[in-house]
Amino acid sequence: MDSGTLSDAAVDAFVRERFIPVRIEKEHQPDAFGSLKVTAFPSTILLRADRTEVARLPGHLGPQEFIEKLKAATAGN
């Protein structure tokens, strides 16, 4: 997703405006990775400030689909 969806200008602007993106890599942060119970690669997990999960978006998504799923997941929040 780095070279496609996440590097898309519209996705970058949307994410930076509404979220605090954090990347967790299994080999570098195994404890954090394990606590999130990641089972698909890549995964986007939306958390509230209190660390409760809002949504989980597993797998590769195209730019427009990624934005739409983020919007749907956060509607009303």
N, C-alpha and C. Protein backbone atom coordinates (compact mmCIF):
# COMPACT_ATOMS: atom_id res chain seq x y z
N MET A 1 0.82 -1.19 0.00
CA MET A 1 0.00 0.00 0.00
C MET A 1 0.87 1.26 0.00
N ASP A 2 2.10 1.16 0.45
CA ASP A 2 2.98 2.32 0.49
C ASP A 2 3.16 2.95 -0.88
N SER A 3 3.43 2.13 -1.88
CA SER A 3 3.73 2.68 -3.20
C SER A 3 2.47 2.97 -4.02
N GLY A 4 1.33 2.64 -3.49
CA GLY A 4 0.08 2.88 -4.21
C GLY A 4 -0.86 3.76 -3.41
N THR A 5 -1.71 3.14 -2.64
CA THR A 5 -2.76 3.84 -1.92
C THR A 5 -2.24 4.91 -0.98
N LEU A 6 -1.28 4.58 -0.14
CA LEU A 6 -0.82 5.54 0.86
C LEU A 6 -0.01 6.69 0.26
N SER A 7 0.52 6.50 -0.94
CA SER A 7 1.26 7.59 -1.58
C SER A 7 0.36 8.45 -2.46
N ASP A 8 -0.90 8.09 -2.59
CA ASP A 8 -1.86 8.86 -3.37
C ASP A 8 -2.10 10.20 -2.67
N ALA A 9 -2.06 11.29 -3.41
CA ALA A 9 -2.19 12.63 -2.83
C ALA A 9 -3.52 12.82 -2.09
N ALA A 10 -4.61 12.30 -2.64
CA ALA A 10 -5.92 12.46 -1.99
C ALA A 10 -5.97 11.67 -0.69
N VAL A 11 -5.43 10.47 -0.70
CA VAL A 11 -5.39 9.65 0.53
C VAL A 11 -4.52 10.33 1.57
N ASP A 12 -3.35 10.79 1.17
CA ASP A 12 -2.44 11.46 2.09
C ASP A 12 -3.10 12.66 2.74
N ALA A 13 -3.75 13.50 1.96
CA ALA A 13 -4.42 14.69 2.49
C ALA A 13 -5.56 14.30 3.43
N PHE A 14 -6.36 13.32 3.03
CA PHE A 14 -7.50 12.88 3.85
C PHE A 14 -7.02 12.35 5.19
N VAL A 15 -6.03 11.49 5.17
CA VAL A 15 -5.53 10.88 6.41
C VAL A 15 -4.89 11.94 7.31
N ARG A 16 -4.06 12.79 6.76
CA ARG A 16 -3.39 13.81 7.57
C ARG A 16 -4.36 14.80 8.20
N GLU A 17 -5.47 15.04 7.52
CA GLU A 17 -6.46 15.99 8.03
C GLU A 17 -7.29 15.41 9.17
N ARG A 18 -7.49 14.10 9.18
CA ARG A 18 -8.46 13.50 10.11
C ARG A 18 -7.88 12.51 11.13
N PHE A 19 -6.66 12.05 10.91
CA PHE A 19 -6.12 10.97 11.75
C PHE A 19 -4.69 11.27 12.19
N ILE A 20 -4.23 10.50 13.15
CA ILE A 20 -2.82 10.49 13.53
C ILE A 20 -2.30 9.12 13.10
N PRO A 21 -1.66 9.06 11.93
CA PRO A 21 -1.21 7.76 11.44
C PRO A 21 0.02 7.26 12.20
N VAL A 22 -0.02 5.98 12.53
CA VAL A 22 1.09 5.31 13.22
C VAL A 22 1.34 4.00 12.50
N ARG A 23 2.59 3.73 12.18
CA ARG A 23 2.94 2.47 11.53
C ARG A 23 3.57 1.55 12.57
N ILE A 24 3.06 0.34 12.63
CA ILE A 24 3.62 -0.68 13.53
C ILE A 24 4.10 -1.83 12.66
N GLU A 25 5.35 -2.18 12.81
CA GLU A 25 5.92 -3.28 12.05
C GLU A 25 6.22 -4.44 12.99
N LYS A 26 5.77 -5.61 12.59
CA LYS A 26 5.86 -6.81 13.42
C LYS A 26 7.27 -7.06 13.94
N GLU A 27 8.26 -6.93 13.07
CA GLU A 27 9.63 -7.25 13.48
C GLU A 27 10.24 -6.20 14.40
N HIS A 28 9.69 -4.97 14.39
CA HIS A 28 10.26 -3.90 15.21
C HIS A 28 9.44 -3.62 16.48
N GLN A 29 8.15 -3.89 16.47
CA GLN A 29 7.28 -3.65 17.62
C GLN A 29 6.40 -4.88 17.88
N PRO A 30 7.00 -6.01 18.21
CA PRO A 30 6.22 -7.24 18.34
C PRO A 30 5.14 -7.17 19.42
N ASP A 31 5.39 -6.46 20.50
CA ASP A 31 4.39 -6.38 21.57
C ASP A 31 3.15 -5.60 21.11
N ALA A 32 3.37 -4.46 20.50
CA ALA A 32 2.25 -3.66 20.00
C ALA A 32 1.51 -4.42 18.90
N PHE A 33 2.28 -5.05 18.03
CA PHE A 33 1.69 -5.83 16.94
C PHE A 33 0.80 -6.94 17.50
N GLY A 34 1.31 -7.65 18.51
CA GLY A 34 0.55 -8.74 19.12
C GLY A 34 -0.70 -8.25 19.83
N SER A 35 -0.59 -7.12 20.51
CA SER A 35 -1.75 -6.62 21.26
C SER A 35 -2.90 -6.20 20.33
N LEU A 36 -2.56 -5.87 19.09
CA LEU A 36 -3.59 -5.48 18.12
C LEU A 36 -4.21 -6.68 17.40
N LYS A 37 -3.64 -7.85 17.61
CA LYS A 37 -4.17 -9.10 17.02
C LYS A 37 -4.33 -8.99 15.50
N VAL A 38 -3.26 -8.55 14.85
CA VAL A 38 -3.27 -8.41 13.40
C VAL A 38 -3.19 -9.79 12.76
N THR A 39 -4.10 -10.06 11.82
CA THR A 39 -4.12 -11.36 11.15
C THR A 39 -3.99 -11.23 9.63
N ALA A 40 -4.09 -10.00 9.12
CA ALA A 40 -3.99 -9.78 7.67
C ALA A 40 -2.96 -8.69 7.41
N PHE A 41 -2.28 -8.83 6.27
CA PHE A 41 -1.26 -7.85 5.90
C PHE A 41 -1.60 -7.27 4.54
N PRO A 42 -1.59 -5.99 4.36
CA PRO A 42 -1.52 -4.98 5.41
C PRO A 42 -2.86 -4.85 6.12
N SER A 43 -2.87 -4.19 7.25
CA SER A 43 -4.10 -3.89 7.98
C SER A 43 -4.07 -2.44 8.41
N THR A 44 -5.22 -1.81 8.31
CA THR A 44 -5.39 -0.47 8.85
C THR A 44 -6.37 -0.63 10.01
N ILE A 45 -5.96 -0.18 11.17
CA ILE A 45 -6.79 -0.30 12.36
C ILE A 45 -7.02 1.11 12.91
N LEU A 46 -8.27 1.47 13.07
CA LEU A 46 -8.61 2.78 13.60
C LEU A 46 -8.91 2.64 15.09
N LEU A 47 -8.22 3.42 15.89
CA LEU A 47 -8.39 3.39 17.34
C LEU A 47 -8.80 4.76 17.86
N ARG A 48 -9.60 4.76 18.91
CA ARG A 48 -9.89 6.01 19.62
C ARG A 48 -8.72 6.31 20.55
N ALA A 49 -8.72 7.49 21.13
CA ALA A 49 -7.65 7.89 22.06
C ALA A 49 -7.53 6.93 23.24
N ASP A 50 -8.65 6.31 23.63
CA ASP A 50 -8.62 5.37 24.76
C ASP A 50 -8.22 3.95 24.32
N ARG A 51 -7.81 3.81 23.06
CA ARG A 51 -7.33 2.57 22.44
C ARG A 51 -8.43 1.57 22.12
N THR A 52 -9.69 1.98 22.15
CA THR A 52 -10.75 1.08 21.71
C THR A 52 -10.79 1.11 20.19
N GLU A 53 -11.07 -0.04 19.62
CA GLU A 53 -11.06 -0.16 18.16
C GLU A 53 -12.35 0.37 17.55
N VAL A 54 -12.18 1.20 16.51
CA VAL A 54 -13.30 1.75 15.77
C VAL A 54 -13.57 0.88 14.55
N ALA A 55 -12.50 0.52 13.84
CA ALA A 55 -12.65 -0.28 12.62
C ALA A 55 -11.33 -0.94 12.27
N ARG A 56 -11.44 -1.99 11.46
CA ARG A 56 -10.28 -2.73 10.97
C ARG A 56 -10.48 -2.94 9.48
N LEU A 57 -9.50 -2.48 8.70
CA LEU A 57 -9.57 -2.58 7.25
C LEU A 57 -8.42 -3.46 6.78
N PRO A 58 -8.67 -4.75 6.62
CA PRO A 58 -7.58 -5.65 6.20
C PRO A 58 -7.38 -5.66 4.70
N GLY A 59 -6.15 -5.91 4.30
CA GLY A 59 -5.82 -6.12 2.90
C GLY A 59 -5.54 -4.84 2.13
N HIS A 60 -5.20 -5.02 0.87
CA HIS A 60 -4.90 -3.91 -0.03
C HIS A 60 -6.20 -3.30 -0.53
N LEU A 61 -6.27 -1.98 -0.47
CA LEU A 61 -7.42 -1.25 -0.98
C LEU A 61 -6.92 -0.16 -1.90
N GLY A 62 -7.65 0.10 -2.97
CA GLY A 62 -7.30 1.21 -3.85
C GLY A 62 -7.58 2.53 -3.15
N PRO A 63 -7.03 3.62 -3.66
CA PRO A 63 -7.18 4.92 -3.00
C PRO A 63 -8.63 5.33 -2.71
N GLN A 64 -9.48 5.28 -3.70
CA GLN A 64 -10.87 5.72 -3.49
C GLN A 64 -11.59 4.80 -2.51
N GLU A 65 -11.39 3.49 -2.65
CA GLU A 65 -12.03 2.54 -1.74
C GLU A 65 -11.53 2.75 -0.31
N PHE A 66 -10.24 3.02 -0.15
CA PHE A 66 -9.67 3.26 1.18
C PHE A 66 -10.33 4.48 1.83
N ILE A 67 -10.43 5.58 1.08
CA ILE A 67 -11.07 6.78 1.63
C ILE A 67 -12.53 6.52 1.98
N GLU A 68 -13.26 5.84 1.10
CA GLU A 68 -14.67 5.55 1.37
C GLU A 68 -14.84 4.69 2.62
N LYS A 69 -13.97 3.69 2.79
CA LYS A 69 -14.06 2.83 3.98
C LYS A 69 -13.70 3.60 5.25
N LEU A 70 -12.73 4.50 5.16
CA LEU A 70 -12.40 5.34 6.32
C LEU A 70 -13.57 6.24 6.67
N LYS A 71 -14.20 6.83 5.67
CA LYS A 71 -15.37 7.69 5.91
C LYS A 71 -16.50 6.90 6.56
N ALA A 72 -16.79 5.74 6.03
CA ALA A 72 -17.86 4.90 6.58
C ALA A 72 -17.56 4.49 8.01
N ALA A 73 -16.31 4.14 8.27
CA ALA A 73 -15.92 3.67 9.61
C ALA A 73 -16.02 4.77 10.65
N THR A 74 -15.84 6.01 10.22
CA THR A 74 -15.82 7.12 11.18
C THR A 74 -17.07 7.99 11.12
N ALA A 75 -18.05 7.61 10.33
CA ALA A 75 -19.29 8.38 10.24
C ALA A 75 -19.93 8.43 11.63
N GLY A 76 -20.25 9.63 12.04
CA GLY A 76 -20.88 9.79 13.35
C GLY A 76 -19.92 9.86 14.51
N ASN A 77 -18.63 9.74 14.25
CA ASN A 77 -17.64 9.84 15.34
C ASN A 77 -17.05 11.22 15.39
